[in-house]
Amino acid sequence: MTAGRGPPNLSPLRDLLLIDGLCDTFAMLKALLSRRTFGAGLAATGLILPFAPARAETVKSGSELKVIELFTSEGCWSCPPAEAKLREVADDPDILALAYHVDYWDYIGWKDPYADPAFTQRQRTYALHLRSRTVYTPQMVFQGAFHAPGSRPGEMRRELGRVDQMERITVGLERPRRHELVVSLPAHENAPTSTVLLVTYDRERTTDVLRGENAGKRLTHRNVVTSLSEIGTWRGQAADLNVTIAEERALPDTGCAILVQSDSGRIIGAAAIDMRS
């Protein structure tokens, strides 16, 4: 089994990422790395309301979560072992484990029902931030700061140990009503300008794959990302944000998470809440 597989030649941007030493090309693409890159073009999940004081809570989550983002595909035969590793930590209260299904393997016989071009774009943006010449599956990105092939034994735990050494902020996340979240951001001196992202995900999904490299397998996924949207900007000021969640994203088998992601790509804070509560 190989450590990771790169996608086919799909676009001019993909070609540029694969060419080594093109400094001019990298400079040209650097413009893509604004804070909006991670959330641009992604499906909106609900009405975003202005900054406002928090209300009385019914459910609350506040933490300094460690974040693992797995880029995966049902069309890739080397991805199921990585997804099994993600399942091992999916219920760890100190870890936010998210699975983004990419679409560049859909051409080889099986169209991943959870794939989204926006998630492929997020992975490509990470490739630029992390100075990687390619994107591949399965890839795990840790705290937006470094990456490793998701199929390597022991790699995930080693990288989580590195995350333990990183400074992270505490993000508060409350659910005062069924369709409403309140995000609390702390005051922090010298904080980098960061984008606040809302992530929605399905807690567990199962697929019987009929064609492609995983034909005949029943694949079980955890924390399958369904949407990613920008809800604000944080520059170190204490603030609360009110967010209204769409009906289909407030079901008992779903979850919501908040990522505070700096312009450099590093995730400096995260929180998650289970919509079963």
Protein backbone atom coordinates (compact mmCIF):
# COMPACT_ATOMS: atom_id res chain seq x y z
CA MET A 1 0.00 0.00 0.00
CA THR A 2 1.37 3.40 -0.87
CA ALA A 3 1.46 6.20 1.70
CA GLY A 4 -0.74 8.46 -0.37
CA ARG A 5 -2.00 8.95 -3.90
CA GLY A 6 -2.18 12.10 -5.93
CA PRO A 7 -5.14 12.92 -8.14
CA PRO A 8 -5.17 12.92 -11.94
CA ASN A 9 -4.32 15.98 -14.02
CA LEU A 10 -7.57 17.90 -13.60
CA SER A 11 -6.87 21.61 -13.94
CA PRO A 12 -4.21 24.25 -14.63
CA LEU A 13 -3.95 24.90 -10.89
CA ARG A 14 -3.34 21.20 -10.30
CA ASP A 15 -0.55 21.22 -12.93
CA LEU A 16 1.11 24.21 -11.28
CA LEU A 17 1.13 22.53 -7.88
CA LEU A 18 2.97 19.56 -9.32
CA ILE A 19 5.82 21.54 -10.89
CA ASP A 20 8.85 21.99 -8.68
CA GLY A 21 10.78 25.22 -8.42
CA LEU A 22 8.36 27.61 -10.10
CA CYS A 23 8.80 30.54 -7.74
CA ASP A 24 7.02 32.94 -10.05
CA THR A 25 4.02 30.62 -10.16
CA PHE A 26 3.91 30.41 -6.39
CA ALA A 27 4.02 34.20 -6.13
CA MET A 28 1.11 34.45 -8.55
CA LEU A 29 -0.94 31.97 -6.56
CA LYS A 30 -0.09 33.59 -3.26
CA ALA A 31 -2.96 35.98 -3.85
CA LEU A 32 -5.30 33.06 -3.28
CA LEU A 33 -4.18 32.79 0.31
CA SER A 34 -6.33 35.50 1.81
CA ARG A 35 -8.47 34.59 4.77
CA ARG A 36 -11.45 34.15 2.43
CA THR A 37 -9.77 31.34 0.49
CA PHE A 38 -10.68 28.72 3.08
CA GLY A 39 -14.38 29.64 3.06
CA ALA A 40 -14.99 31.16 -0.37
CA GLY A 41 -17.57 29.50 -2.59
CA LEU A 42 -18.76 27.12 0.11
CA ALA A 43 -22.41 26.42 0.76
CA ALA A 44 -23.99 28.71 3.34
CA THR A 45 -25.52 26.95 6.31
CA GLY A 46 -27.79 29.63 7.68
CA LEU A 47 -28.33 33.30 8.40
CA ILE A 48 -25.36 35.01 10.07
CA LEU A 49 -26.47 37.66 12.56
CA PRO A 50 -24.41 40.64 13.83
CA PHE A 51 -22.12 40.48 16.85
CA ALA A 52 -24.32 40.40 19.92
CA PRO A 53 -24.24 39.42 23.60
CA ALA A 54 -24.70 35.74 24.36
CA ARG A 55 -28.01 34.48 25.65
CA ALA A 56 -28.83 31.91 28.32
CA GLU A 57 -27.53 28.58 27.18
CA THR A 58 -29.03 25.11 27.02
CA VAL A 59 -25.92 23.37 25.68
CA LYS A 60 -22.36 24.65 25.98
CA SER A 61 -18.94 23.59 24.73
CA GLY A 62 -15.68 25.43 25.39
CA SER A 63 -12.30 23.93 24.64
CA GLU A 64 -8.85 24.10 23.09
CA LEU A 65 -9.44 21.27 20.65
CA LYS A 66 -6.75 19.62 18.57
CA VAL A 67 -7.92 19.49 14.94
CA ILE A 68 -7.36 16.71 12.41
CA GLU A 69 -8.67 17.22 8.87
CA LEU A 70 -8.63 14.09 6.72
CA PHE A 71 -8.91 14.49 2.95
CA THR A 72 -10.33 11.24 1.63
CA SER A 73 -12.42 9.59 -1.08
CA GLU A 74 -14.54 6.48 -1.45
CA GLY A 75 -12.92 6.06 -4.87
CA CYS A 76 -9.42 5.61 -3.39
CA TRP A 77 -8.43 2.13 -2.23
CA SER A 78 -5.84 3.42 0.26
CA CYS A 79 -8.30 5.65 2.13
CA PRO A 80 -10.30 3.14 4.24
CA PRO A 81 -7.34 2.43 6.61
CA ALA A 82 -6.93 6.16 7.20
CA GLU A 83 -10.64 6.52 7.91
CA ALA A 84 -10.33 3.69 10.42
CA LYS A 85 -7.64 5.71 12.21
CA LEU A 86 -9.88 8.76 12.22
CA ARG A 87 -12.67 6.70 13.80
CA GLU A 88 -10.32 5.84 16.66
CA VAL A 89 -10.23 9.47 17.77
CA ALA A 90 -13.63 10.71 16.55
CA ASP A 91 -15.13 10.49 20.05
CA ASP A 92 -12.09 11.85 21.90
CA PRO A 93 -13.30 15.00 23.72
CA ASP A 94 -9.94 16.71 23.15
CA ILE A 95 -9.88 16.14 19.38
CA LEU A 96 -11.97 17.48 16.53
CA ALA A 97 -11.66 14.94 13.72
CA LEU A 98 -13.18 15.99 10.38
CA ALA A 99 -13.38 14.09 7.07
CA TYR A 100 -13.47 16.11 3.83
CA HIS A 101 -14.37 14.00 0.80
CA VAL A 102 -12.66 15.26 -2.37
CA ASP A 103 -13.96 14.79 -5.90
CA TYR A 104 -10.85 14.11 -8.01
CA TRP A 105 -11.21 10.31 -7.82
CA ASP A 106 -14.85 10.31 -8.97
CA TYR A 107 -13.81 9.55 -12.56
CA ILE A 108 -12.46 6.04 -11.88
CA GLY A 109 -15.76 4.23 -11.52
CA TRP A 110 -17.37 5.43 -8.31
CA LYS A 111 -18.73 8.90 -7.54
CA ASP A 112 -18.27 9.66 -3.86
CA PRO A 113 -21.69 10.83 -2.58
CA TYR A 114 -20.05 13.09 0.01
CA ALA A 115 -17.48 14.71 -2.28
CA ASP A 116 -17.55 18.46 -2.86
CA PRO A 117 -15.29 20.52 -5.16
CA ALA A 118 -15.05 23.09 -2.36
CA PHE A 119 -13.31 20.53 -0.17
CA THR A 120 -10.86 19.78 -2.97
CA GLN A 121 -10.16 23.51 -3.17
CA ARG A 122 -9.55 23.65 0.58
CA GLN A 123 -6.98 20.88 0.22
CA ARG A 124 -5.28 22.72 -2.64
CA THR A 125 -5.11 25.85 -0.52
CA TYR A 126 -3.42 23.82 2.20
CA ALA A 127 -0.93 22.58 -0.39
CA LEU A 128 0.08 26.17 -1.02
CA HIS A 129 0.29 27.06 2.67
CA LEU A 130 2.28 23.95 3.53
CA ARG A 131 4.55 24.25 0.46
CA SER A 132 3.46 20.83 -0.79
CA ARG A 133 3.89 20.21 -4.53
CA THR A 134 0.78 18.09 -4.77
CA VAL A 135 -2.46 17.04 -3.14
CA TYR A 136 -3.13 13.41 -2.36
CA THR A 137 -5.36 10.99 -0.49
CA PRO A 138 -5.43 10.03 2.24
CA GLN A 139 -3.93 13.19 3.70
CA MET A 140 -4.23 14.34 7.30
CA VAL A 141 -3.68 18.01 8.11
CA PHE A 142 -3.02 18.77 11.78
CA GLN A 143 -4.11 22.14 13.19
CA GLY A 144 -3.67 23.58 9.70
CA ALA A 145 0.07 23.63 10.36
CA PHE A 146 1.53 20.37 9.04
CA HIS A 147 0.43 17.25 7.23
CA ALA A 148 1.16 13.55 6.90
CA PRO A 149 -0.15 10.59 4.89
CA GLY A 150 -3.13 9.25 6.78
CA SER A 151 -2.24 5.61 6.16
CA ARG A 152 1.13 5.52 7.95
CA PRO A 153 1.07 3.53 11.22
CA GLY A 154 1.71 5.72 14.27
CA GLU A 155 1.88 8.95 12.27
CA MET A 156 -1.35 10.39 13.62
CA ARG A 157 -0.36 10.08 17.27
CA ARG A 158 3.08 11.55 16.63
CA GLU A 159 1.62 14.57 14.88
CA LEU A 160 -0.96 15.07 17.64
CA GLY A 161 1.97 15.25 20.02
CA ARG A 162 3.30 18.18 18.00
CA VAL A 163 -0.08 19.90 18.24
CA ASP A 164 0.11 19.61 22.03
CA GLN A 165 3.07 22.03 21.92
CA MET A 166 1.13 24.70 19.99
CA GLU A 167 -0.62 27.59 21.68
CA ARG A 168 -4.38 27.51 21.17
CA ILE A 169 -7.20 29.76 22.30
CA THR A 170 -10.37 28.65 24.06
CA VAL A 171 -13.45 29.06 21.87
CA GLY A 172 -16.86 28.99 23.53
CA LEU A 173 -19.79 27.44 21.69
CA GLU A 174 -23.33 27.53 23.06
CA ARG A 175 -26.67 26.35 21.72
CA PRO A 176 -29.39 28.38 23.45
CA ARG A 177 -32.05 27.22 20.99
CA ARG A 178 -32.44 24.36 18.52
CA HIS A 179 -31.35 26.35 15.46
CA GLU A 180 -29.11 28.90 17.12
CA LEU A 181 -25.44 28.89 18.12
CA VAL A 182 -23.45 31.53 20.01
CA VAL A 183 -19.70 31.60 19.41
CA SER A 184 -17.60 33.28 22.12
CA LEU A 185 -14.13 34.50 21.20
CA PRO A 186 -11.68 35.68 23.87
CA ALA A 187 -9.56 38.80 24.04
CA HIS A 188 -5.98 37.98 23.05
CA GLU A 189 -3.07 40.36 22.57
CA ASN A 190 -1.07 40.14 19.35
CA ALA A 191 -3.54 37.67 17.85
CA PRO A 192 -3.17 37.10 14.10
CA THR A 193 -6.03 38.15 11.86
CA SER A 194 -8.18 35.05 11.55
CA THR A 195 -11.30 33.83 9.79
CA VAL A 196 -14.04 32.25 11.88
CA LEU A 197 -15.48 29.24 10.06
CA LEU A 198 -18.63 27.24 10.74
CA VAL A 199 -18.33 23.54 9.87
CA THR A 200 -21.31 21.19 9.75
CA TYR A 201 -20.88 17.45 9.58
CA ASP A 202 -22.74 14.14 9.74
CA ARG A 203 -21.58 12.13 12.73
CA GLU A 204 -21.63 8.77 10.91
CA ARG A 205 -22.41 7.57 7.41
CA THR A 206 -22.17 4.16 5.73
CA THR A 207 -21.93 3.40 2.01
CA ASP A 208 -22.05 0.13 0.09
CA VAL A 209 -19.60 0.81 -2.72
CA LEU A 210 -20.66 -0.92 -5.96
CA ARG A 211 -17.90 0.10 -8.37
CA GLY A 212 -14.37 1.44 -8.49
CA GLU A 213 -11.34 0.54 -6.39
CA ASN A 214 -13.42 -0.19 -3.26
CA ALA A 215 -16.12 -2.19 -5.07
CA GLY A 216 -17.87 -4.67 -2.78
CA LYS A 217 -16.86 -2.90 0.43
CA ARG A 218 -19.10 -1.33 3.04
CA LEU A 219 -17.38 1.86 4.14
CA THR A 220 -18.16 3.55 7.44
CA HIS A 221 -17.25 7.22 7.82
CA ARG A 222 -17.17 9.48 10.86
CA ASN A 223 -17.66 13.25 11.00
CA VAL A 224 -18.27 13.69 7.29
CA VAL A 225 -18.12 17.42 6.52
CA THR A 226 -21.22 18.69 4.72
CA SER A 227 -20.57 22.44 4.63
CA LEU A 228 -17.97 25.04 5.50
CA SER A 229 -18.76 28.75 5.65
CA GLU A 230 -17.16 31.98 6.84
CA ILE A 231 -19.07 33.70 9.66
CA GLY A 232 -16.71 36.42 10.82
CA THR A 233 -13.22 37.79 11.36
CA TRP A 234 -11.28 37.84 14.64
CA ARG A 235 -8.39 40.18 15.38
CA GLY A 236 -7.96 39.47 19.08
CA GLN A 237 -11.06 41.27 20.35
CA ALA A 238 -13.47 39.65 22.80
CA ALA A 239 -16.72 39.08 20.92
CA ASP A 240 -19.78 36.88 20.56
CA LEU A 241 -21.33 35.86 17.24
CA ASN A 242 -24.89 34.61 16.82
CA VAL A 243 -25.42 32.03 14.08
CA THR A 244 -28.69 30.52 12.86
CA ILE A 245 -28.41 26.91 11.66
CA ALA A 246 -30.50 25.54 8.79
CA GLU A 247 -33.07 22.89 9.69
CA GLU A 248 -31.23 20.05 7.94
CA ARG A 249 -28.06 20.87 9.85
CA ALA A 250 -29.71 20.72 13.28
CA LEU A 251 -30.70 17.04 13.20
CA PRO A 252 -29.71 14.59 15.94
CA ASP A 253 -27.14 12.78 13.78
CA THR A 254 -25.22 15.95 12.93
CA GLY A 255 -22.61 18.16 14.59
CA CYS A 256 -21.33 21.71 14.29
CA ALA A 257 -17.82 23.01 14.82
CA ILE A 258 -16.07 26.35 14.84
CA LEU A 259 -12.57 26.85 13.42
CA VAL A 260 -10.59 30.03 14.03
CA GLN A 261 -8.05 29.96 11.20
CA SER A 262 -5.29 32.51 10.74
CA ASP A 263 -4.29 33.92 7.36
CA SER A 264 -1.28 31.59 7.43
CA GLY A 265 -3.59 28.57 7.53
CA ARG A 266 -2.90 27.63 11.14
CA ILE A 267 -5.98 26.82 13.23
CA ILE A 268 -5.53 28.68 16.49
CA GLY A 269 -8.83 27.71 18.09
CA ALA A 270 -11.72 25.28 17.66
CA ALA A 271 -14.86 24.07 19.37
CA ALA A 272 -17.56 21.53 18.54
CA ILE A 273 -21.07 20.72 19.64
CA ASP A 274 -23.16 17.60 19.16
CA MET A 275 -26.63 18.38 17.85
CA ARG A 276 -28.09 15.35 19.65
CA SER A 277 -28.22 17.37 22.87
